[in-house]
Amino acid sequence: MSKAHRGKGIRELFAHGRGECPVCKRYNIKVIYEQEIDGEKLKVCKTCKAAIKHGKKSLVKAN
């Protein structure tokens, strides 16, 4: 059977959920994971979300 509904939730997002991660500054990757950084909720990439969870990256917004 085909997988017709895979990724349906991000098709509605702007640019299909792709953009620049505010933590690692990589561009054109999926930024769909919400993370609270400096008191505000930002969307980050999958690798940064995992790194923040495991304490490998700090929660201070990169400049």
PDB file of N, CA and C in Angstrom:
ATOM      1  N   MET A   1       0.829  -1.185   0.000  1.00  0.00           N
ATOM      2  CA  MET A   1       0.000   0.000   0.000  1.00  0.00           C
ATOM      3  C   MET A   1       0.874   1.249   0.000  1.00  0.00           C
ATOM      4  N   SER A   2       0.332   2.300  -0.588  1.00  0.00           N
ATOM      5  CA  SER A   2       1.087   3.544  -0.617  1.00  0.00           C
ATOM      6  C   SER A   2       0.964   4.289   0.709  1.00  0.00           C
ATOM      7  N   LYS A   3       1.859   5.205   0.927  1.00  0.00           N
ATOM      8  CA  LYS A   3       1.873   6.009   2.146  1.00  0.00           C
ATOM      9  C   LYS A   3       1.461   7.439   1.785  1.00  0.00           C
ATOM     10  N   ALA A   4       0.215   7.623   1.413  1.00  0.00           N
ATOM     11  CA  ALA A   4      -0.274   8.896   0.879  1.00  0.00           C
ATOM     12  C   ALA A   4      -0.310  10.007   1.922  1.00  0.00           C
ATOM     13  N   HIS A   5      -0.440   9.683   3.203  1.00  0.00           N
ATOM     14  CA  HIS A   5      -0.608  10.716   4.215  1.00  0.00           C
ATOM     15  C   HIS A   5       0.673  11.024   4.977  1.00  0.00           C
ATOM     16  N   ARG A   6       1.781  10.468   4.572  1.00  0.00           N
ATOM     17  CA  ARG A   6       3.040  10.705   5.271  1.00  0.00           C
ATOM     18  C   ARG A   6       3.496  12.145   5.038  1.00  0.00           C
ATOM     19  N   GLY A   7       3.736  12.873   6.098  1.00  0.00           N
ATOM     20  CA  GLY A   7       4.172  14.262   5.982  1.00  0.00           C
ATOM     21  C   GLY A   7       3.044  15.236   5.747  1.00  0.00           C
ATOM     22  N   LYS A   8       1.808  14.809   5.934  1.00  0.00           N
ATOM     23  CA  LYS A   8       0.661  15.671   5.656  1.00  0.00           C
ATOM     24  C   LYS A   8       0.631  16.889   6.571  1.00  0.00           C
ATOM     25  N   GLY A   9       1.042  16.730   7.818  1.00  0.00           N
ATOM     26  CA  GLY A   9       0.985  17.823   8.776  1.00  0.00           C
ATOM     27  C   GLY A   9       1.911  18.974   8.470  1.00  0.00           C
ATOM     28  N   ILE A  10       3.049  18.713   7.823  1.00  0.00           N
ATOM     29  CA  ILE A  10       3.980  19.808   7.539  1.00  0.00           C
ATOM     30  C   ILE A  10       3.760  20.416   6.160  1.00  0.00           C
ATOM     31  N   ARG A  11       2.908  19.831   5.359  1.00  0.00           N
ATOM     32  CA  ARG A  11       2.618  20.424   4.049  1.00  0.00           C
ATOM     33  C   ARG A  11       1.895  21.745   4.183  1.00  0.00           C
ATOM     34  N   GLU A  12       1.148  21.910   5.281  1.00  0.00           N
ATOM     35  CA  GLU A  12       0.383  23.134   5.502  1.00  0.00           C
ATOM     36  C   GLU A  12       1.247  24.263   6.049  1.00  0.00           C
ATOM     37  N   LEU A  13       2.409  23.958   6.601  1.00  0.00           N
ATOM     38  CA  LEU A  13       3.280  24.974   7.176  1.00  0.00           C
ATOM     39  C   LEU A  13       3.992  25.773   6.095  1.00  0.00           C
ATOM     40  N   PHE A  14       4.440  26.962   6.466  1.00  0.00           N
ATOM     41  CA  PHE A  14       5.200  27.804   5.540  1.00  0.00           C
ATOM     42  C   PHE A  14       6.479  27.086   5.122  1.00  0.00           C
ATOM     43  N   ALA A  15       6.727  26.988   3.854  1.00  0.00           N
ATOM     44  CA  ALA A  15       7.915  26.333   3.283  1.00  0.00           C
ATOM     45  C   ALA A  15       8.033  24.887   3.748  1.00  0.00           C
ATOM     46  N   HIS A  16       6.900  24.269   4.022  1.00  0.00           N
ATOM     47  CA  HIS A  16       6.832  22.874   4.486  1.00  0.00           C
ATOM     48  C   HIS A  16       7.660  22.658   5.749  1.00  0.00           C
ATOM     49  N   GLY A  17       7.702  23.670   6.620  1.00  0.00           N
ATOM     50  CA  GLY A  17       8.395  23.542   7.893  1.00  0.00           C
ATOM     51  C   GLY A  17       9.888  23.749   7.821  1.00  0.00           C
ATOM     52  N   ARG A  18      10.389  24.218   6.704  1.00  0.00           N
ATOM     53  CA  ARG A  18      11.832  24.405   6.557  1.00  0.00           C
ATOM     54  C   ARG A  18      12.225  25.854   6.778  1.00  0.00           C
ATOM     55  N   GLY A  19      13.423  26.052   7.312  1.00  0.00           N
ATOM     56  CA  GLY A  19      13.917  27.397   7.568  1.00  0.00           C
ATOM     57  C   GLY A  19      15.279  27.325   8.234  1.00  0.00           C
ATOM     58  N   GLU A  20      15.622  28.381   8.979  1.00  0.00           N
ATOM     59  CA  GLU A  20      16.915  28.444   9.663  1.00  0.00           C
ATOM     60  C   GLU A  20      16.721  28.163  11.143  1.00  0.00           C
ATOM     61  N   CYS A  21      17.520  27.275  11.678  1.00  0.00           N
ATOM     62  CA  CYS A  21      17.457  26.950  13.100  1.00  0.00           C
ATOM     63  C   CYS A  21      18.121  28.084  13.878  1.00  0.00           C
ATOM     64  N   PRO A  22      17.441  28.614  14.909  1.00  0.00           N
ATOM     65  CA  PRO A  22      18.025  29.721  15.673  1.00  0.00           C
ATOM     66  C   PRO A  22      19.191  29.305  16.573  1.00  0.00           C
ATOM     67  N   VAL A  23      19.378  28.013  16.791  1.00  0.00           N
ATOM     68  CA  VAL A  23      20.444  27.551  17.677  1.00  0.00           C
ATOM     69  C   VAL A  23      21.721  27.270  16.888  1.00  0.00           C
ATOM     70  N   CYS A  24      21.616  26.441  15.851  1.00  0.00           N
ATOM     71  CA  CYS A  24      22.822  26.042  15.114  1.00  0.00           C
ATOM     72  C   CYS A  24      23.032  26.835  13.826  1.00  0.00           C
ATOM     73  N   LYS A  25      22.068  27.665  13.460  1.00  0.00           N
ATOM     74  CA  LYS A  25      22.147  28.547  12.289  1.00  0.00           C
ATOM     75  C   LYS A  25      22.216  27.796  10.959  1.00  0.00           C
ATOM     76  N   ARG A  26      21.852  26.519  10.940  1.00  0.00           N
ATOM     77  CA  ARG A  26      21.772  25.807   9.660  1.00  0.00           C
ATOM     78  C   ARG A  26      20.513  26.248   8.937  1.00  0.00           C
ATOM     79  N   TYR A  27      20.581  26.318   7.630  1.00  0.00           N
ATOM     80  CA  TYR A  27      19.490  26.825   6.832  1.00  0.00           C
ATOM     81  C   TYR A  27      18.881  25.717   5.978  1.00  0.00           C
ATOM     82  N   ASN A  28      17.591  25.840   5.694  1.00  0.00           N
ATOM     83  CA  ASN A  28      16.825  24.941   4.833  1.00  0.00           C
ATOM     84  C   ASN A  28      16.719  23.530   5.421  1.00  0.00           C
ATOM     85  N   ILE A  29      16.568  23.457   6.737  1.00  0.00           N
ATOM     86  CA  ILE A  29      16.291  22.185   7.392  1.00  0.00           C
ATOM     87  C   ILE A  29      14.953  22.313   8.109  1.00  0.00           C
ATOM     88  N   LYS A  30      14.355  21.195   8.464  1.00  0.00           N
ATOM     89  CA  LYS A  30      13.059  21.225   9.127  1.00  0.00           C
ATOM     90  C   LYS A  30      13.203  21.776  10.546  1.00  0.00           C
ATOM     91  N   VAL A  31      12.489  22.845  10.822  1.00  0.00           N
ATOM     92  CA  VAL A  31      12.467  23.440  12.158  1.00  0.00           C
ATOM     93  C   VAL A  31      11.037  23.330  12.676  1.00  0.00           C
ATOM     94  N   ILE A  32      10.696  22.155  13.176  1.00  0.00           N
ATOM     95  CA  ILE A  32       9.319  21.891  13.568  1.00  0.00           C
ATOM     96  C   ILE A  32       9.183  21.512  15.033  1.00  0.00           C
ATOM     97  N   TYR A  33      10.274  21.535  15.785  1.00  0.00           N
ATOM     98  CA  TYR A  33      10.239  21.123  17.183  1.00  0.00           C
ATOM     99  C   TYR A  33      10.272  22.354  18.078  1.00  0.00           C
ATOM    100  N   GLU A  34       9.245  22.525  18.925  1.00  0.00           N
ATOM    101  CA  GLU A  34       9.186  23.681  19.810  1.00  0.00           C
ATOM    102  C   GLU A  34      10.081  23.477  21.020  1.00  0.00           C
ATOM    103  N   GLN A  35      10.838  24.510  21.353  1.00  0.00           N
ATOM    104  CA  GLN A  35      11.729  24.471  22.507  1.00  0.00           C
ATOM    105  C   GLN A  35      11.688  25.850  23.155  1.00  0.00           C
ATOM    106  N   GLU A  36      11.650  25.892  24.478  1.00  0.00           N
ATOM    107  CA  GLU A  36      11.639  27.170  25.182  1.00  0.00           C
ATOM    108  C   GLU A  36      13.071  27.615  25.429  1.00  0.00           C
ATOM    109  N   ILE A  37      13.432  28.763  24.851  1.00  0.00           N
ATOM    110  CA  ILE A  37      14.781  29.313  24.966  1.00  0.00           C
ATOM    111  C   ILE A  37      14.652  30.762  25.418  1.00  0.00           C
ATOM    112  N   ASP A  38      15.283  31.097  26.525  1.00  0.00           N
ATOM    113  CA  ASP A  38      15.241  32.445  27.110  1.00  0.00           C
ATOM    114  C   ASP A  38      13.809  32.923  27.343  1.00  0.00           C
ATOM    115  N   GLY A  39      12.926  32.040  27.764  1.00  0.00           N
ATOM    116  CA  GLY A  39      11.556  32.415  28.084  1.00  0.00           C
ATOM    117  C   GLY A  39      10.614  32.521  26.907  1.00  0.00           C
ATOM    118  N   GLU A  40      11.070  32.281  25.699  1.00  0.00           N
ATOM    119  CA  GLU A  40      10.189  32.323  24.536  1.00  0.00           C
ATOM    120  C   GLU A  40      10.254  30.997  23.789  1.00  0.00           C
ATOM    121  N   LYS A  41       9.137  30.609  23.202  1.00  0.00           N
ATOM    122  CA  LYS A  41       9.081  29.341  22.486  1.00  0.00           C
ATOM    123  C   LYS A  41       9.559  29.551  21.057  1.00  0.00           C
ATOM    124  N   LEU A  42      10.578  28.804  20.674  1.00  0.00           N
ATOM    125  CA  LEU A  42      11.125  28.863  19.325  1.00  0.00           C
ATOM    126  C   LEU A  42      11.055  27.488  18.697  1.00  0.00           C
ATOM    127  N   LYS A  43      11.069  27.450  17.388  1.00  0.00           N
ATOM    128  CA  LYS A  43      11.104  26.179  16.683  1.00  0.00           C
ATOM    129  C   LYS A  43      12.548  25.890  16.294  1.00  0.00           C
ATOM    130  N   VAL A  44      13.021  24.696  16.666  1.00  0.00           N
ATOM    131  CA  VAL A  44      14.402  24.302  16.395  1.00  0.00           C
ATOM    132  C   VAL A  44      14.414  23.011  15.592  1.00  0.00           C
ATOM    133  N   CYS A  45      15.600  22.646  15.089  1.00  0.00           N
ATOM    134  CA  CYS A  45      15.742  21.416  14.308  1.00  0.00           C
ATOM    135  C   CYS A  45      15.819  20.203  15.237  1.00  0.00           C
ATOM    136  N   LYS A  46      15.762  19.045  14.657  1.00  0.00           N
ATOM    137  CA  LYS A  46      15.723  17.797  15.422  1.00  0.00           C
ATOM    138  C   LYS A  46      17.013  17.566  16.201  1.00  0.00           C
ATOM    139  N   THR A  47      18.162  17.850  15.602  1.00  0.00           N
ATOM    140  CA  THR A  47      19.430  17.600  16.280  1.00  0.00           C
ATOM    141  C   THR A  47      19.634  18.555  17.453  1.00  0.00           C
ATOM    142  N   CYS A  48      19.216  19.799  17.301  1.00  0.00           N
ATOM    143  CA  CYS A  48      19.355  20.759  18.395  1.00  0.00           C
ATOM    144  C   CYS A  48      18.401  20.426  19.530  1.00  0.00           C
ATOM    145  N   LYS A  49      17.212  19.948  19.216  1.00  0.00           N
ATOM    146  CA  LYS A  49      16.274  19.558  20.254  1.00  0.00           C
ATOM    147  C   LYS A  49      16.848  18.419  21.086  1.00  0.00           C
ATOM    148  N   ALA A  50      17.451  17.439  20.424  1.00  0.00           N
ATOM    149  CA  ALA A  50      18.048  16.315  21.135  1.00  0.00           C
ATOM    150  C   ALA A  50      19.264  16.754  21.939  1.00  0.00           C
ATOM    151  N   ALA A  51      20.086  17.665  21.382  1.00  0.00           N
ATOM    152  CA  ALA A  51      21.276  18.135  22.080  1.00  0.00           C
ATOM    153  C   ALA A  51      20.901  18.940  23.317  1.00  0.00           C
ATOM    154  N   ILE A  52      19.840  19.747  23.238  1.00  0.00           N
ATOM    155  CA  ILE A  52      19.386  20.519  24.394  1.00  0.00           C
ATOM    156  C   ILE A  52      18.844  19.576  25.457  1.00  0.00           C
ATOM    157  N   LYS A  53      18.116  18.558  25.034  1.00  0.00           N
ATOM    158  CA  LYS A  53      17.545  17.599  25.975  1.00  0.00           C
ATOM    159  C   LYS A  53      18.629  16.857  26.748  1.00  0.00           C
ATOM    160  N   HIS A  54      19.725  16.504  26.080  1.00  0.00           N
ATOM    161  CA  HIS A  54      20.793  15.743  26.717  1.00  0.00           C
ATOM    162  C   HIS A  54      21.872  16.620  27.339  1.00  0.00           C
ATOM    163  N   GLY A  55      21.689  17.963  27.295  1.00  0.00           N
ATOM    164  CA  GLY A  55      22.610  18.876  27.945  1.00  0.00           C
ATOM    165  C   GLY A  55      23.861  19.177  27.159  1.00  0.00           C
ATOM    166  N   LYS A  56      23.901  18.861  25.880  1.00  0.00           N
ATOM    167  CA  LYS A  56      25.083  19.121  25.067  1.00  0.00           C
ATOM    168  C   LYS A  56      25.118  20.540  24.523  1.00  0.00           C
ATOM    169  N   LYS A  57      23.942  21.189  24.422  1.00  0.00           N
ATOM    170  CA  LYS A  57      23.879  22.590  24.007  1.00  0.00           C
ATOM    171  C   LYS A  57      23.160  23.351  25.098  1.00  0.00           C
ATOM    172  N   SER A  58      23.550  24.611  25.259  1.00  0.00           N
ATOM    173  CA  SER A  58      22.929  25.425  26.287  1.00  0.00           C
ATOM    174  C   SER A  58      21.619  25.992  25.761  1.00  0.00           C
ATOM    175  N   LEU A  59      20.777  26.445  26.672  1.00  0.00           N
ATOM    176  CA  LEU A  59      19.485  27.018  26.296  1.00  0.00           C
ATOM    177  C   LEU A  59      19.564  28.500  26.007  1.00  0.00           C
ATOM    178  N   VAL A  60      20.761  29.058  25.991  1.00  0.00           N
ATOM    179  CA  VAL A  60      20.931  30.476  25.674  1.00  0.00           C
ATOM    180  C   VAL A  60      20.926  30.618  24.167  1.00  0.00           C
ATOM    181  N   LYS A  61      20.140  31.590  23.683  1.00  0.00           N
ATOM    182  CA  LYS A  61      20.021  31.800  22.252  1.00  0.00           C
ATOM    183  C   LYS A  61      21.353  32.216  21.657  1.00  0.00           C
ATOM    184  N   ALA A  62      21.777  31.554  20.580  1.00  0.00           N
ATOM    185  CA  ALA A  62      23.045  31.886  19.915  1.00  0.00           C
ATOM    186  C   ALA A  62      22.882  33.202  19.162  1.00  0.00           C
ATOM    187  N   ASN A  63      23.918  34.033  19.168  1.00  0.00           N
ATOM    188  CA  ASN A  63      23.882  35.318  18.452  1.00  0.00           C
ATOM    189  C   ASN A  63      24.746  35.280  17.247  1.00  0.00           C
TER     190      ASN A  63
END
